Amino acid sequence: MNDLARVAAVLAAAPSVAVLAHINPEGDAVGSTLAAALALRQAGKRTGAFNAHPVPSELLELPGAREMRRAVPPEPDYGCYLVVDTANLDRTGGVLDGRRPGATVVNVDHHGGNTRFGDVNWVEPEASSAGEMVLRLLRTMGLPISRDVAANLYAAILTDTGGFRYGNTTAASLRAAADLLDAGAVPEAIARGFSAHRVVGEWRLLGEVLAGMETSRDGRVAWIEVTAAACRRAGVGMEVSEDFIQYARDLAGVRIAVAFKEIAPDEVRVSLRSSGSVDVARLAGTFGGGGHRNAAGCIVRGALDTVRPVVLAAAEALLR
């Protein structure tokens, strides 16, 4: 029995399943969590969708998003915990800490650096997204794909392929997206939902960030900085800058894009994007982070002025 079949068998036998994903969830994490919880509930199981952090505002229109809870309650508890899009136990934010003894942890993930922390693991780095994997899982279990499930899975795949622009866009991911459209997902509505919650402050912050964009001498590395002061001036939180890095990535000639986010005076979140064969997961790994070949990240201790030159030097060294 292969890993996918094992996961399907465990979930089929479980009367109750809590579904969760990594902290600071984005579209793939939220969409995969909601889709799995909805599909398993429709199959007659008691389910819940959870995360240690709130659902980002741009994802609140996804079916079931407003029902996602911040933590698994101690009562009633669950016999099985399905963790999607999460490479290691720390990234669950402690949500699994209160599980009852004997509960089974099932791990479904597409990160190459996955630590296989589950009791049962299905890890497939070649998959574009956790959403693509959850679709295969539901099919293997013989569960129907409702309109709401399809919408969440489409949003998940759309997010992690960068709107089908990233190098992880494959024939399999495109076929999955087409199948989800056949099941009732509406691309225009999902895409509109991602941007319907924008506020003026986001554009003010974006303007300031783009005004400060810089590139390396050869133009192959571009970076932006999102400071706490800039967020205060714009009147918005750091979370609205999640997709700002795309502007640096889209510059002609850029191979590595970097976004520095000042989450504390002595702590910087570094997001990395690349094109082609440039593996920024390796770069993130040198700073204790991880991710995928063309999309990765890490958190580096230190002031922004200290972190910036170190990370940029490592980026340029990777290109050499």
Protein backbone atom coordinates (compact mmCIF):
# COMPACT_ATOMS: atom_id res chain seq x y z
CA MET A 1 0.00 0.00 0.00
CA ASN A 2 1.49 3.37 -1.02
CA ASP A 3 1.45 6.50 1.14
CA LEU A 4 -1.62 7.99 -0.55
CA ALA A 5 -3.57 4.76 -0.04
CA ARG A 6 -2.53 4.62 3.63
CA VAL A 7 -3.72 8.18 4.24
CA ALA A 8 -7.01 7.48 2.47
CA ALA A 9 -7.56 4.32 4.55
CA VAL A 10 -6.87 6.07 7.86
CA LEU A 11 -9.22 8.94 7.06
CA ALA A 12 -11.92 6.60 5.78
CA ALA A 13 -11.86 4.74 9.12
CA ALA A 14 -11.84 7.86 11.31
CA PRO A 15 -15.25 9.03 12.62
CA SER A 16 -13.88 12.47 13.57
CA VAL A 17 -11.17 14.53 11.85
CA ALA A 18 -9.69 17.91 12.76
CA VAL A 19 -8.03 19.59 9.77
CA LEU A 20 -5.30 22.20 10.18
CA ALA A 21 -2.30 23.75 8.44
CA HIS A 22 0.72 25.93 9.10
CA ILE A 23 0.79 29.24 10.94
CA ASN A 24 0.43 32.48 8.94
CA PRO A 25 -1.77 30.60 6.45
CA GLU A 26 -2.07 31.66 2.82
CA GLY A 27 -4.38 30.47 0.06
CA ASP A 28 -3.04 26.94 -0.24
CA ALA A 29 -3.11 26.30 3.50
CA VAL A 30 -6.59 27.79 3.99
CA GLY A 31 -8.11 26.33 0.82
CA SER A 32 -6.76 22.83 1.48
CA THR A 33 -7.89 22.89 5.11
CA LEU A 34 -11.41 24.04 4.28
CA ALA A 35 -11.80 21.68 1.32
CA ALA A 36 -10.76 18.62 3.33
CA ALA A 37 -12.96 19.55 6.30
CA LEU A 38 -15.99 20.17 4.07
CA ALA A 39 -15.56 17.00 2.01
CA LEU A 40 -15.05 14.77 5.04
CA ARG A 41 -18.07 16.37 6.76
CA GLN A 42 -20.19 15.71 3.68
CA ALA A 43 -19.07 12.07 3.97
CA GLY A 44 -20.67 11.91 7.43
CA LYS A 45 -17.65 12.59 9.66
CA ARG A 46 -17.46 15.10 12.48
CA THR A 47 -14.89 17.63 11.31
CA GLY A 48 -13.48 21.01 12.18
CA ALA A 49 -11.09 23.42 10.47
CA PHE A 50 -8.44 25.06 12.67
CA ASN A 51 -5.36 27.25 12.61
CA ALA A 52 -3.24 28.96 15.22
CA HIS A 53 -3.57 32.23 13.28
CA PRO A 54 -6.63 33.97 11.79
CA VAL A 55 -7.69 33.61 8.17
CA PRO A 56 -6.31 36.53 6.11
CA SER A 57 -9.00 39.01 5.10
CA GLU A 58 -8.58 38.32 1.38
CA LEU A 59 -9.53 34.66 1.96
CA LEU A 60 -12.64 35.21 4.09
CA GLU A 61 -14.96 34.78 1.10
CA LEU A 62 -13.86 31.17 0.59
CA PRO A 63 -16.65 28.73 1.56
CA GLY A 64 -16.38 27.88 5.25
CA ALA A 65 -13.59 30.39 5.97
CA ARG A 66 -15.55 32.24 8.66
CA GLU A 67 -16.07 28.99 10.56
CA MET A 68 -12.35 28.24 10.90
CA ARG A 69 -11.38 28.33 14.56
CA ARG A 70 -8.14 29.55 16.14
CA ALA A 71 -7.47 26.37 18.20
CA VAL A 72 -8.74 22.84 18.63
CA PRO A 73 -10.97 22.79 21.75
CA PRO A 74 -10.20 20.11 24.36
CA GLU A 75 -13.82 18.90 24.29
CA PRO A 76 -15.02 17.37 22.13
CA ASP A 77 -11.70 16.16 20.83
CA TYR A 78 -10.83 14.31 17.66
CA GLY A 79 -9.52 10.84 16.94
CA CYS A 80 -7.63 11.96 13.85
CA TYR A 81 -5.77 15.17 12.92
CA LEU A 82 -5.16 15.87 9.23
CA VAL A 83 -2.32 18.38 8.81
CA VAL A 84 -1.99 19.82 5.30
CA ASP A 85 0.67 22.01 3.67
CA THR A 86 2.92 21.84 6.74
CA ALA A 87 6.53 20.66 6.74
CA ASN A 88 7.23 20.27 10.46
CA LEU A 89 5.49 20.10 13.82
CA ASP A 90 6.59 23.57 14.95
CA ARG A 91 4.72 25.12 12.02
CA THR A 92 1.38 23.95 13.46
CA GLY A 93 1.70 26.65 16.12
CA GLY A 94 0.89 24.31 18.99
CA VAL A 95 -2.54 23.31 17.72
CA LEU A 96 -1.64 19.63 18.03
CA ASP A 97 -0.38 19.93 21.60
CA GLY A 98 -3.74 19.23 23.21
CA ARG A 99 -4.66 16.14 21.22
CA ARG A 100 -5.77 13.13 23.19
CA PRO A 101 -3.42 10.15 23.64
CA GLY A 102 -3.71 7.72 20.77
CA ALA A 103 -5.04 10.25 18.26
CA THR A 104 -3.60 9.71 14.78
CA VAL A 105 -1.77 12.53 13.02
CA VAL A 106 -1.94 12.40 9.21
CA ASN A 107 0.45 14.62 7.28
CA VAL A 108 -0.25 15.60 3.65
CA ASP A 109 2.34 18.00 2.28
CA HIS A 110 4.33 19.05 -0.79
CA HIS A 111 7.43 20.58 0.84
CA GLY A 112 10.68 18.82 0.03
CA GLY A 113 12.05 19.44 3.53
CA ASN A 114 9.10 17.76 5.27
CA THR A 115 10.17 16.02 8.51
CA ARG A 116 7.45 13.32 8.31
CA PHE A 117 6.17 14.21 11.76
CA GLY A 118 2.86 12.42 11.30
CA ASP A 119 1.93 8.90 12.25
CA VAL A 120 1.01 8.51 8.58
CA ASN A 121 2.69 10.71 5.96
CA TRP A 122 2.14 11.44 2.28
CA VAL A 123 4.78 13.88 1.03
CA GLU A 124 5.00 14.70 -2.67
CA PRO A 125 7.37 17.60 -3.51
CA GLU A 126 6.50 17.32 -7.20
CA ALA A 127 2.92 18.45 -6.51
CA SER A 128 2.19 22.09 -7.23
CA SER A 129 0.29 22.56 -3.98
CA ALA A 130 -1.38 20.87 -1.07
CA GLY A 131 -4.63 21.65 -2.86
CA GLU A 132 -3.66 19.43 -5.77
CA MET A 133 -2.82 16.63 -3.32
CA VAL A 134 -6.07 16.98 -1.38
CA LEU A 135 -7.99 16.67 -4.64
CA ARG A 136 -6.21 13.38 -5.38
CA LEU A 137 -6.87 12.23 -1.82
CA LEU A 138 -10.60 12.91 -2.03
CA ARG A 139 -10.78 11.11 -5.36
CA THR A 140 -8.91 8.13 -3.91
CA MET A 141 -11.46 8.01 -1.09
CA GLY A 142 -14.27 8.14 -3.63
CA LEU A 143 -15.71 11.35 -2.18
CA PRO A 144 -17.68 13.78 -4.36
CA ILE A 145 -16.23 17.21 -5.11
CA SER A 146 -18.94 19.73 -4.26
CA ARG A 147 -18.99 23.31 -5.54
CA ASP A 148 -17.66 24.62 -2.20
CA VAL A 149 -14.88 22.03 -2.05
CA ALA A 150 -13.94 22.83 -5.65
CA ALA A 151 -13.76 26.57 -4.93
CA ASN A 152 -11.38 26.04 -2.02
CA LEU A 153 -9.13 23.67 -3.92
CA TYR A 154 -9.00 25.97 -6.94
CA ALA A 155 -7.99 28.85 -4.67
CA ALA A 156 -5.28 26.65 -3.14
CA ILE A 157 -3.76 25.70 -6.51
CA LEU A 158 -4.12 29.24 -7.85
CA THR A 159 -2.17 30.61 -4.87
CA ASP A 160 0.79 28.25 -4.94
CA THR A 161 1.25 28.39 -8.71
CA GLY A 162 1.16 32.20 -8.66
CA GLY A 163 -1.90 32.25 -10.88
CA PHE A 164 -0.35 29.47 -13.01
CA ARG A 165 2.78 31.55 -13.65
CA TYR A 166 5.35 29.81 -11.43
CA GLY A 167 7.65 26.98 -12.45
CA ASN A 168 5.62 24.48 -10.40
CA THR A 169 2.71 24.85 -12.82
CA THR A 170 2.45 21.41 -14.42
CA ALA A 171 0.10 19.57 -16.71
CA ALA A 172 -1.25 17.82 -13.61
CA SER A 173 -2.01 21.11 -11.83
CA LEU A 174 -3.75 22.50 -14.92
CA ARG A 175 -5.81 19.34 -15.31
CA ALA A 176 -6.75 19.56 -11.64
CA ALA A 177 -7.84 23.18 -12.08
CA ALA A 178 -9.93 22.22 -15.12
CA ASP A 179 -11.61 19.43 -13.17
CA LEU A 180 -12.41 21.87 -10.36
CA LEU A 181 -14.04 24.24 -12.85
CA ASP A 182 -16.15 21.32 -14.04
CA ALA A 183 -17.11 20.72 -10.40
CA GLY A 184 -18.38 24.28 -10.02
CA ALA A 185 -15.43 26.53 -9.09
CA VAL A 186 -15.84 30.02 -10.58
CA PRO A 187 -12.39 31.52 -11.37
CA GLU A 188 -13.59 35.12 -11.64
CA ALA A 189 -15.36 35.03 -8.28
CA ILE A 190 -12.38 33.42 -6.54
CA ALA A 191 -9.88 35.88 -8.02
CA ARG A 192 -12.16 38.80 -7.16
CA GLY A 193 -12.42 37.55 -3.59
CA PHE A 194 -8.64 37.75 -3.26
CA SER A 195 -8.70 41.48 -3.99
CA ALA A 196 -12.13 42.57 -2.74
CA HIS A 197 -10.86 43.40 0.74
CA ARG A 198 -8.15 45.84 -0.30
CA VAL A 199 -8.12 49.15 1.55
CA VAL A 200 -6.52 52.47 0.63
CA GLY A 201 -3.75 51.96 3.17
CA GLU A 202 -2.51 48.88 1.29
CA TRP A 203 -1.90 50.91 -1.85
CA ARG A 204 -0.17 53.62 0.18
CA LEU A 205 2.10 51.03 1.72
CA LEU A 206 2.74 49.44 -1.68
CA GLY A 207 3.66 52.82 -3.13
CA GLU A 208 6.21 53.46 -0.39
CA VAL A 209 7.64 49.94 -0.67
CA LEU A 210 7.99 50.11 -4.46
CA ALA A 211 9.61 53.53 -4.24
CA GLY A 212 12.35 51.92 -2.17
CA MET A 213 12.89 48.85 -4.36
CA GLU A 214 16.53 48.18 -5.20
CA THR A 215 18.51 45.79 -7.38
CA SER A 216 21.99 44.35 -7.35
CA ARG A 217 24.61 45.78 -9.68
CA ASP A 218 23.99 43.10 -12.30
CA GLY A 219 20.20 43.32 -11.92
CA ARG A 220 19.75 39.66 -11.05
CA VAL A 221 18.67 40.25 -7.44
CA ALA A 222 15.89 42.67 -6.50
CA TRP A 223 14.60 43.43 -3.05
CA ILE A 224 11.93 45.36 -1.20
CA GLU A 225 11.57 46.26 2.45
CA VAL A 226 8.39 46.50 4.51
CA THR A 227 9.14 48.25 7.77
CA ALA A 228 7.00 48.60 10.87
CA ALA A 229 7.16 52.38 10.48
CA ALA A 230 5.84 52.22 6.91
CA CYS A 231 2.92 50.06 8.07
CA ARG A 232 2.10 52.58 10.80
CA ARG A 233 2.15 55.46 8.31
CA ALA A 234 -0.21 53.56 5.99
CA GLY A 235 -2.44 52.42 8.85
CA VAL A 236 -2.32 48.73 7.89
CA GLY A 237 -0.74 45.54 9.20
CA MET A 238 2.28 43.75 7.81
CA GLU A 239 0.07 40.91 6.56
CA VAL A 240 -1.26 42.99 3.64
CA SER A 241 2.19 42.92 2.02
CA GLU A 242 2.13 39.17 1.33
CA ASP A 243 2.10 39.53 -2.46
CA PHE A 244 4.29 42.65 -2.76
CA ILE A 245 7.31 40.50 -3.59
CA GLN A 246 5.78 39.69 -6.97
CA TYR A 247 6.65 43.20 -8.20
CA ALA A 248 10.33 42.57 -7.56
CA ARG A 249 10.13 39.12 -9.13
CA ASP A 250 8.59 40.55 -12.30
CA LEU A 251 11.47 42.94 -13.02
CA ALA A 252 13.29 42.14 -16.26
CA GLY A 253 16.47 40.15 -15.63
CA VAL A 254 15.73 39.32 -11.99
CA ARG A 255 16.52 35.76 -10.93
CA ILE A 256 15.98 36.16 -7.17
CA ALA A 257 13.47 38.48 -5.50
CA VAL A 258 13.69 39.17 -1.78
CA ALA A 259 11.19 40.81 0.57
CA PHE A 260 12.45 41.90 3.99
CA LYS A 261 9.67 42.36 6.55
CA GLU A 262 10.49 43.94 9.88
CA ILE A 263 8.27 41.95 12.21
CA ALA A 264 10.18 43.10 15.32
CA PRO A 265 13.14 45.42 16.01
CA ASP A 266 15.42 42.36 16.13
CA GLU A 267 13.57 39.97 13.80
CA VAL A 268 13.09 40.00 10.03
CA ARG A 269 10.89 37.72 7.95
CA VAL A 270 12.56 37.06 4.60
CA SER A 271 10.49 35.93 1.61
CA LEU A 272 12.29 34.58 -1.45
CA ARG A 273 11.11 34.03 -5.02
CA SER A 274 13.08 32.85 -8.04
CA SER A 275 12.68 31.79 -11.62
CA GLY A 276 13.81 28.71 -13.50
CA SER A 277 16.32 26.42 -11.83
CA VAL A 278 17.39 28.83 -9.06
CA ASP A 279 16.59 27.00 -5.82
CA VAL A 280 15.76 29.57 -3.14
CA ALA A 281 14.77 26.78 -0.74
CA ARG A 282 18.51 26.12 -0.43
CA LEU A 283 19.05 29.78 0.34
CA ALA A 284 16.30 29.81 2.97
CA GLY A 285 17.72 26.64 4.45
CA THR A 286 21.00 28.34 5.29
CA PHE A 287 19.03 30.61 7.62
CA GLY A 288 16.90 27.87 9.15
CA GLY A 289 13.95 28.25 6.80
CA GLY A 290 12.66 26.28 3.85
CA GLY A 291 10.02 26.03 1.17
CA HIS A 292 10.03 25.20 -2.51
CA ARG A 293 12.56 25.69 -5.28
CA ASN A 294 10.99 28.93 -6.53
CA ALA A 295 9.26 30.12 -3.34
CA ALA A 296 10.74 29.93 0.14
CA GLY A 297 11.28 31.92 3.30
CA CYS A 298 12.90 32.18 6.70
CA ILE A 299 13.00 34.32 9.82
CA VAL A 300 16.37 35.86 10.66
CA ARG A 301 17.21 37.33 14.04
CA GLY A 302 18.74 40.78 13.94
CA ALA A 303 17.99 44.33 12.91
CA LEU A 304 16.97 44.95 9.31
CA ASP A 305 20.21 46.82 8.51
CA THR A 306 22.18 43.82 9.76
CA VAL A 307 20.08 41.10 8.14
CA ARG A 308 19.82 42.71 4.70
CA PRO A 309 23.50 42.55 3.60
CA VAL A 310 23.93 39.01 4.89
CA VAL A 311 20.92 37.65 3.01
CA LEU A 312 21.74 39.57 -0.18
CA ALA A 313 25.32 38.29 -0.12
CA ALA A 314 24.01 34.74 0.18
CA ALA A 315 21.60 35.35 -2.70
CA GLU A 316 24.35 36.61 -4.97
CA ALA A 317 26.58 33.71 -3.96
CA LEU A 318 23.82 31.27 -4.92
CA LEU A 319 23.63 32.80 -8.40
CA ARG A 320 27.38 32.48 -8.84
